[in-house]
Amino acid sequence: MSIKITVNGEEKEIKQGLNLAELLAELEVDPEVTVAKLNDSMVPQGELAERDVESGDNIEYIFFMGGGAFDLTEEEIERYSRHIILKDLGGTGQQKIKDAKVLVVGAGGLGSPVAFYLAAAGVGILGLVDSDHVDLTNLQRQILHTTEDTGRPKVDSAREKLEAMNPNVEVKTYNQYLNKDNVKAIIADYDIIVDGVDNFPTRYLLNDACVMAGKPLVEAGILQFSGQLTTIMPGEGPCYRCIFAEPPKEGAIPSCQEAGVLGAIAGTIGTLQATEVLKLITGIGRPLVGRMLVYDAKDLSFREVEVKKSDKCDVCGDNPVITELMEYELSCNLHQQAEA
C-alpha cells in the first residue's frame, strides 16, 4: 500500500510504513550531511528513525555543500535554509556569511536596504556608522526608520530594527562623524566596507582609508532618478580616485536635499550593494571590480562602464602623493554624516 507525500516541493508516492530515516535512504540521501524538516519541525539526526512518515506529510531536506566544519544552530539552519540549498552557496557559504564582519557607513537611503539584507542573510557582525538623527524628510527612502523614530539617533533606530529582524546578528554602532582621526580605527576590525554616504568629503576619505588599509569597499551613489555602483578591491582594480580624481567644485553637483531623489532608487542600488557584499564574502560570481554599473530609473535600464586602474592615481598609483589621510572641507548641509 502506498501514500502520497511532498518532498522538497515535489509530490511523491511511497510505500506506507516508512520512517524518516528509511525515506532518506530510499531517496539516496546521506543523513550524516543532511538536515531534515518534517512539516513544521526540524528533526534532529538522532530522531530520524523515530518519526514515521504519514500521508500528506511535507518533507524538506537540505544539505551542506563544499565540506568543512559548521557552527550553525538548528534555528539558523532553518532560517537560512533557502541559502543552504543553493548549489553555489550551501553550508560552506552560509558559515562564511556568519563569520563575516561588515561595516556600513551611513544608516540612511543606501545603508537601510544594505543593512536589512545583510542582517537577514546572517552576517555575523554588522557595524553601522552615522552621527545623524532621524528627520521626517528621510522617511521616503530610509526604510530602517519610522515616523516614531523622528529625532532619534539613526544608529539606535537602525540597531533596534535589525536586532528584531535577526537576533543572531551582532550589531555594533558608531554614533559619530567619520573623520581622518577615527576612520582607521573604525574600519580596522571589518572585512568589507560599504559606502552609503551622500557627500564627497566623506566618500573620498573612506576610499583613501580603505585603499591604505587594503579593505574592499562597495561604493555607490544616487541622485534624482539614477544611481551607480562599483566595487573597489585595493591592489586588484581601480579606486574611486582612479575614476574621479578630485571632488567637484562646490555647487557643481547638487545634493539630494537640493535636487531630490526618488526613494525607491535607494532600494534598488542598496540591494545591489548588499548582493555585492555577499558575493565578496562567499566568493560567488564576478564582483564589479573594474566596472561601474549605472542605473537609469526613468528608462529602467542598466549600463556597464569599464573603468581602469590609473598608474597616476594620487592614492593607489605607482607613485602615490596621498600617503596620509586628508579631509576636504564640508559645506552647507553636508556637515551631517551623509546617508544618501
Protein backbone atom coordinates (compact mmCIF):
# COMPACT_ATOMS: atom_id res chain seq x y z
CA MET A 1 0.00 0.00 0.00
CA SER A 2 1.31 3.47 -0.85
CA ILE A 3 0.81 7.00 0.37
CA LYS A 4 1.39 10.43 -1.18
CA ILE A 5 3.76 12.95 0.39
CA THR A 6 5.61 16.08 -0.73
CA VAL A 7 9.41 16.10 -0.79
CA ASN A 8 11.21 19.37 -1.46
CA GLY A 9 8.13 20.71 -3.19
CA GLU A 10 7.60 17.65 -5.41
CA GLU A 11 4.73 15.21 -4.86
CA LYS A 12 5.88 11.61 -4.42
CA GLU A 13 4.21 8.26 -3.91
CA ILE A 14 5.98 5.99 -1.42
CA LYS A 15 5.20 2.76 0.36
CA GLN A 16 3.39 3.06 3.65
CA GLY A 17 5.15 2.49 6.96
CA LEU A 18 8.47 4.22 6.35
CA ASN A 19 10.11 6.34 8.97
CA LEU A 20 12.10 9.46 8.07
CA ALA A 21 15.46 7.66 8.15
CA GLU A 22 14.16 4.97 5.81
CA LEU A 23 12.67 7.58 3.49
CA LEU A 24 16.02 9.35 3.19
CA ALA A 25 17.66 6.03 2.41
CA GLU A 26 15.06 5.41 -0.31
CA LEU A 27 15.90 8.84 -1.74
CA GLU A 28 19.64 8.02 -1.53
CA VAL A 29 20.21 10.99 0.77
CA ASP A 30 23.02 10.71 3.32
CA PRO A 31 21.60 11.70 6.73
CA GLU A 32 25.11 12.50 8.00
CA VAL A 33 25.32 15.60 5.82
CA THR A 34 21.60 16.41 5.73
CA VAL A 35 19.14 18.30 7.88
CA ALA A 36 15.51 17.21 7.54
CA LYS A 37 12.31 19.09 8.23
CA LEU A 38 9.03 17.25 8.75
CA ASN A 39 6.07 19.54 8.21
CA ASP A 40 6.89 22.49 10.50
CA SER A 41 9.60 20.90 12.65
CA MET A 42 13.31 20.35 12.16
CA VAL A 43 14.19 16.75 13.05
CA PRO A 44 17.50 16.06 14.85
CA GLN A 45 19.60 13.36 13.18
CA GLY A 46 19.22 11.06 16.17
CA GLU A 47 15.43 11.13 15.90
CA LEU A 48 15.02 10.37 12.18
CA ALA A 49 14.15 6.72 12.80
CA GLU A 50 11.55 7.72 15.39
CA ARG A 51 9.48 9.90 13.04
CA ASP A 52 7.01 7.94 10.91
CA VAL A 53 6.03 9.36 7.54
CA GLU A 54 2.28 9.66 7.01
CA SER A 55 0.06 10.53 4.08
CA GLY A 56 0.06 14.24 3.25
CA ASP A 57 3.32 14.96 5.09
CA ASN A 58 5.62 17.65 3.75
CA ILE A 59 9.31 16.79 3.99
CA GLU A 60 12.15 19.13 3.14
CA TYR A 61 15.80 18.26 3.33
CA ILE A 62 18.81 20.48 2.89
CA PHE A 63 22.44 19.51 2.85
CA PHE A 64 25.78 21.11 3.37
CA MET A 65 27.95 21.59 0.32
CA GLY A 66 31.68 22.07 -0.04
CA GLY A 67 32.81 20.28 3.10
CA GLY A 68 34.29 21.90 6.19
CA ALA A 69 33.07 22.39 9.72
CA PHE A 70 29.93 24.35 10.52
CA ASP A 71 28.82 26.25 13.55
CA LEU A 72 25.15 26.72 12.72
CA THR A 73 22.36 26.07 15.20
CA GLU A 74 19.20 24.23 14.18
CA GLU A 75 17.38 27.57 14.23
CA GLU A 76 19.99 29.08 11.91
CA ILE A 77 19.84 26.10 9.56
CA GLU A 78 16.10 26.57 9.27
CA ARG A 79 16.34 30.37 9.00
CA TYR A 80 18.93 30.22 6.20
CA SER A 81 17.62 27.07 4.52
CA ARG A 82 16.93 28.87 1.23
CA HIS A 83 20.59 29.87 1.19
CA ILE A 84 21.89 26.44 2.14
CA ILE A 85 20.05 24.67 -0.67
CA LEU A 86 21.67 26.96 -3.26
CA LYS A 87 24.19 24.86 -5.19
CA ASP A 88 26.86 27.58 -5.25
CA LEU A 89 26.44 28.59 -1.60
CA GLY A 90 25.48 25.68 0.65
CA GLY A 91 26.50 25.35 4.27
CA THR A 92 30.04 26.46 3.49
CA GLY A 93 28.85 29.79 2.13
CA GLN A 94 26.41 30.34 4.99
CA GLN A 95 29.18 29.73 7.50
CA LYS A 96 31.32 32.33 5.70
CA ILE A 97 28.45 34.80 5.97
CA LYS A 98 28.09 34.07 9.67
CA ASP A 99 31.82 34.61 10.20
CA ALA A 100 31.90 37.87 8.21
CA LYS A 101 32.25 41.38 9.65
CA VAL A 102 30.81 44.17 7.50
CA LEU A 103 30.77 47.91 8.19
CA VAL A 104 28.06 50.08 6.63
CA VAL A 105 28.86 53.79 6.66
CA GLY A 106 25.56 55.68 6.63
CA ALA A 107 22.26 54.39 8.05
CA GLY A 108 20.11 56.22 5.51
CA GLY A 109 18.84 55.67 1.98
CA LEU A 110 21.52 53.24 0.84
CA GLY A 111 22.51 51.96 4.27
CA SER A 112 18.94 50.92 5.07
CA PRO A 113 18.47 48.21 2.41
CA VAL A 114 22.12 47.16 2.69
CA ALA A 115 21.85 46.63 6.44
CA PHE A 116 18.44 44.96 6.22
CA TYR A 117 19.57 42.38 3.68
CA LEU A 118 22.93 41.72 5.32
CA ALA A 119 21.23 41.19 8.66
CA ALA A 120 18.64 38.93 7.05
CA ALA A 121 21.44 36.96 5.37
CA GLY A 122 23.09 36.32 8.73
CA VAL A 123 26.26 38.42 8.61
CA GLY A 124 27.86 37.75 11.98
CA ILE A 125 28.94 41.28 12.91
CA LEU A 126 27.32 44.29 11.27
CA GLY A 127 28.71 47.75 12.03
CA LEU A 128 26.82 51.00 11.41
CA VAL A 129 28.37 54.47 11.33
CA ASP A 130 26.16 57.56 11.37
CA SER A 131 26.10 60.70 13.51
CA ASP A 132 22.76 62.00 12.28
CA HIS A 133 19.25 61.90 13.76
CA VAL A 134 16.10 60.70 12.02
CA ASP A 135 14.28 63.51 10.23
CA LEU A 136 10.82 63.40 8.68
CA THR A 137 12.32 64.16 5.27
CA ASN A 138 14.36 60.94 5.50
CA LEU A 139 11.40 58.61 5.62
CA GLN A 140 10.51 58.41 1.93
CA ARG A 141 13.68 56.41 1.31
CA GLN A 142 15.34 55.47 4.62
CA ILE A 143 13.36 52.34 5.41
CA LEU A 144 15.25 51.45 8.59
CA HIS A 145 13.36 54.22 10.36
CA THR A 146 9.72 55.00 11.11
CA THR A 147 7.75 58.12 11.97
CA GLU A 148 8.07 57.30 15.67
CA ASP A 149 11.87 57.37 15.30
CA THR A 150 11.93 61.06 14.33
CA GLY A 151 14.58 62.79 16.42
CA ARG A 152 16.34 59.60 17.49
CA PRO A 153 19.95 58.82 16.57
CA LYS A 154 19.85 56.83 13.35
CA VAL A 155 22.18 54.16 14.66
CA ASP A 156 19.88 53.48 17.62
CA SER A 157 16.81 53.27 15.41
CA ALA A 158 18.65 51.03 12.94
CA ARG A 159 20.02 48.66 15.57
CA GLU A 160 16.54 48.17 17.03
CA LYS A 161 15.08 47.10 13.66
CA LEU A 162 17.99 44.87 12.70
CA GLU A 163 18.09 43.03 16.03
CA ALA A 164 14.34 42.49 15.83
CA MET A 165 14.76 41.00 12.35
CA ASN A 166 17.63 38.70 13.22
CA PRO A 167 18.83 38.34 16.82
CA ASN A 168 21.71 36.15 15.62
CA VAL A 169 23.48 39.20 14.19
CA GLU A 170 25.68 41.36 16.43
CA VAL A 171 25.02 44.99 15.55
CA LYS A 172 27.75 47.47 16.52
CA THR A 173 27.01 51.17 16.25
CA TYR A 174 29.18 54.26 15.95
CA ASN A 175 27.20 57.42 16.62
CA GLN A 176 29.97 59.68 15.39
CA TYR A 177 31.03 61.60 12.35
CA LEU A 178 33.64 59.76 10.29
CA ASN A 179 36.87 61.75 10.01
CA LYS A 180 40.57 61.26 9.38
CA ASP A 181 41.23 60.77 13.08
CA ASN A 182 38.81 57.89 13.67
CA VAL A 183 38.28 56.19 10.31
CA LYS A 184 41.29 53.86 10.52
CA ALA A 185 40.28 52.56 13.94
CA ILE A 186 36.65 52.09 12.95
CA ILE A 187 37.29 50.12 9.74
CA ALA A 188 40.16 48.08 11.19
CA ASP A 189 38.05 45.21 12.56
CA TYR A 190 35.87 44.73 9.47
CA ASP A 191 36.35 42.56 6.39
CA ILE A 192 34.29 44.65 3.95
CA ILE A 193 33.21 48.29 3.99
CA VAL A 194 30.05 49.65 2.39
CA ASP A 195 29.78 53.30 1.33
CA GLY A 196 26.30 54.68 1.99
CA VAL A 197 27.26 58.35 2.29
CA ASP A 198 25.99 61.32 0.30
CA ASN A 199 28.84 63.82 0.49
CA PHE A 200 32.11 63.92 -1.38
CA PRO A 201 34.46 64.67 1.55
CA THR A 202 33.42 61.51 3.38
CA ARG A 203 33.35 59.49 0.16
CA TYR A 204 36.95 60.38 -0.70
CA LEU A 205 38.11 59.91 2.89
CA LEU A 206 36.55 56.43 3.00
CA ASN A 207 38.09 55.49 -0.34
CA ASP A 208 41.56 56.59 0.76
CA ALA A 209 41.29 54.84 4.11
CA CYS A 210 40.17 51.56 2.52
CA VAL A 211 42.93 51.70 -0.10
CA MET A 212 45.57 52.29 2.58
CA ALA A 213 44.16 49.53 4.78
CA GLY A 214 43.60 47.09 1.90
CA LYS A 215 39.88 46.83 2.67
CA PRO A 216 37.31 46.01 -0.05
CA LEU A 217 34.84 48.87 -0.48
CA VAL A 218 31.42 48.55 -2.10
CA GLU A 219 30.82 52.06 -3.40
CA ALA A 220 27.52 53.56 -4.60
CA GLY A 221 25.71 56.85 -5.08
CA ILE A 222 22.21 58.00 -6.01
CA LEU A 223 20.65 61.27 -7.20
CA GLN A 224 17.26 62.12 -8.66
CA PHE A 225 16.37 59.15 -10.92
CA SER A 226 19.76 57.48 -11.24
CA GLY A 227 22.34 55.51 -9.34
CA GLN A 228 25.76 53.97 -9.78
CA LEU A 229 27.67 51.16 -8.18
CA THR A 230 31.20 49.74 -8.24
CA THR A 231 33.39 47.56 -6.04
CA ILE A 232 36.85 48.77 -5.06
CA MET A 233 39.34 46.00 -4.40
CA PRO A 234 42.69 47.57 -3.41
CA GLY A 235 45.56 46.09 -5.38
CA GLU A 236 43.27 44.44 -7.93
CA GLY A 237 41.33 47.24 -9.58
CA PRO A 238 40.70 50.98 -9.68
CA CYS A 239 39.77 53.00 -6.64
CA TYR A 240 37.33 55.90 -6.58
CA ARG A 241 40.12 58.41 -7.29
CA CYS A 242 41.13 56.44 -10.40
CA ILE A 243 37.68 57.27 -11.77
CA PHE A 244 37.11 60.69 -10.20
CA ALA A 245 40.50 62.13 -9.26
CA GLU A 246 39.23 65.10 -7.25
CA PRO A 247 35.89 66.14 -5.73
CA PRO A 248 33.86 68.50 -7.91
CA LYS A 249 33.89 72.16 -7.10
CA GLU A 250 31.38 73.35 -4.55
CA GLY A 251 27.95 73.78 -6.12
CA ALA A 252 28.82 71.89 -9.32
CA ILE A 253 26.66 68.92 -8.33
CA PRO A 254 23.52 69.42 -6.23
CA SER A 255 22.92 67.36 -3.13
CA CYS A 256 19.87 65.14 -2.68
CA GLN A 257 18.38 67.88 -0.49
CA GLU A 258 18.74 70.34 -3.35
CA ALA A 259 17.86 68.14 -6.34
CA GLY A 260 15.79 65.37 -4.77
CA VAL A 261 15.90 61.61 -5.18
CA LEU A 262 13.24 59.03 -5.93
CA GLY A 263 13.08 56.95 -2.78
CA ALA A 264 12.92 53.58 -4.50
CA ILE A 265 16.25 54.28 -6.22
CA ALA A 266 17.93 53.84 -2.83
CA GLY A 267 16.30 50.43 -2.51
CA THR A 268 17.48 49.31 -5.94
CA ILE A 269 21.09 50.39 -5.53
CA GLY A 270 21.33 49.47 -1.85
CA THR A 271 20.08 45.96 -2.58
CA LEU A 272 22.72 45.62 -5.30
CA GLN A 273 25.35 46.73 -2.78
CA ALA A 274 24.21 44.02 -0.37
CA THR A 275 24.43 41.48 -3.20
CA GLU A 276 27.99 42.57 -3.96
CA VAL A 277 28.93 42.18 -0.30
CA LEU A 278 27.52 38.65 -0.14
CA LYS A 279 29.37 37.76 -3.34
CA LEU A 280 32.63 39.03 -1.85
CA ILE A 281 32.06 37.07 1.36
CA THR A 282 31.24 33.78 -0.35
CA GLY A 283 33.42 34.10 -3.45
CA ILE A 284 30.44 33.58 -5.72
CA GLY A 285 30.33 35.16 -9.17
CA ARG A 286 32.23 38.15 -10.54
CA PRO A 287 32.27 41.34 -8.46
CA LEU A 288 32.07 44.81 -10.01
CA VAL A 289 35.81 45.36 -9.87
CA GLY A 290 36.93 47.49 -12.81
CA ARG A 291 33.32 48.02 -13.78
CA MET A 292 30.74 50.63 -12.87
CA LEU A 293 27.05 49.81 -13.10
CA VAL A 294 24.90 52.83 -13.99
CA TYR A 295 21.14 52.70 -13.40
CA ASP A 296 18.54 54.94 -15.05
CA ALA A 297 15.16 54.53 -13.38
CA LYS A 298 13.26 56.55 -16.00
CA ASP A 299 14.18 54.05 -18.70
CA LEU A 300 14.55 51.19 -16.20
CA SER A 301 17.90 50.45 -17.79
CA PHE A 302 21.36 49.43 -16.68
CA ARG A 303 24.60 50.02 -18.49
CA GLU A 304 28.09 48.90 -17.58
CA VAL A 305 31.09 51.18 -17.91
CA GLU A 306 34.60 49.73 -17.87
CA VAL A 307 36.92 51.63 -15.52
CA LYS A 308 40.64 51.07 -15.30
CA LYS A 309 43.21 51.47 -12.58
CA SER A 310 45.23 54.64 -13.10
CA ASP A 311 49.00 54.42 -12.75
CA LYS A 312 48.89 58.14 -11.90
CA CYS A 313 46.22 57.86 -9.20
CA ASP A 314 47.11 60.02 -6.21
CA VAL A 315 46.33 57.28 -3.70
CA CYS A 316 46.78 53.87 -5.41
CA GLY A 317 49.02 54.73 -8.39
CA ASP A 318 52.65 53.84 -8.94
CA ASN A 319 53.84 56.95 -7.12
CA PRO A 320 51.07 57.96 -4.70
CA VAL A 321 51.18 61.51 -3.39
CA ILE A 322 48.44 60.95 -0.83
CA THR A 323 50.10 58.84 1.83
CA GLU A 324 48.24 60.22 4.84
CA LEU A 325 44.53 60.70 5.27
CA MET A 326 43.22 64.14 4.46
CA GLU A 327 39.81 65.76 4.60
CA TYR A 328 38.11 68.15 2.24
CA GLU A 329 36.08 70.89 3.84
CA LEU A 330 32.40 70.25 4.27
CA SER A 331 29.96 72.94 3.31
CA CYS A 332 26.31 73.85 3.94
CA ASN A 333 24.13 70.78 4.58
CA LEU A 334 26.99 68.31 4.12
CA HIS A 335 28.08 68.51 7.75
CA GLN A 336 25.75 65.67 8.62
CA GLN A 337 27.05 62.11 8.43
CA ALA A 338 25.80 61.57 4.93
CA GLU A 339 23.25 58.89 4.18
CA ALA A 340 22.08 59.20 0.63
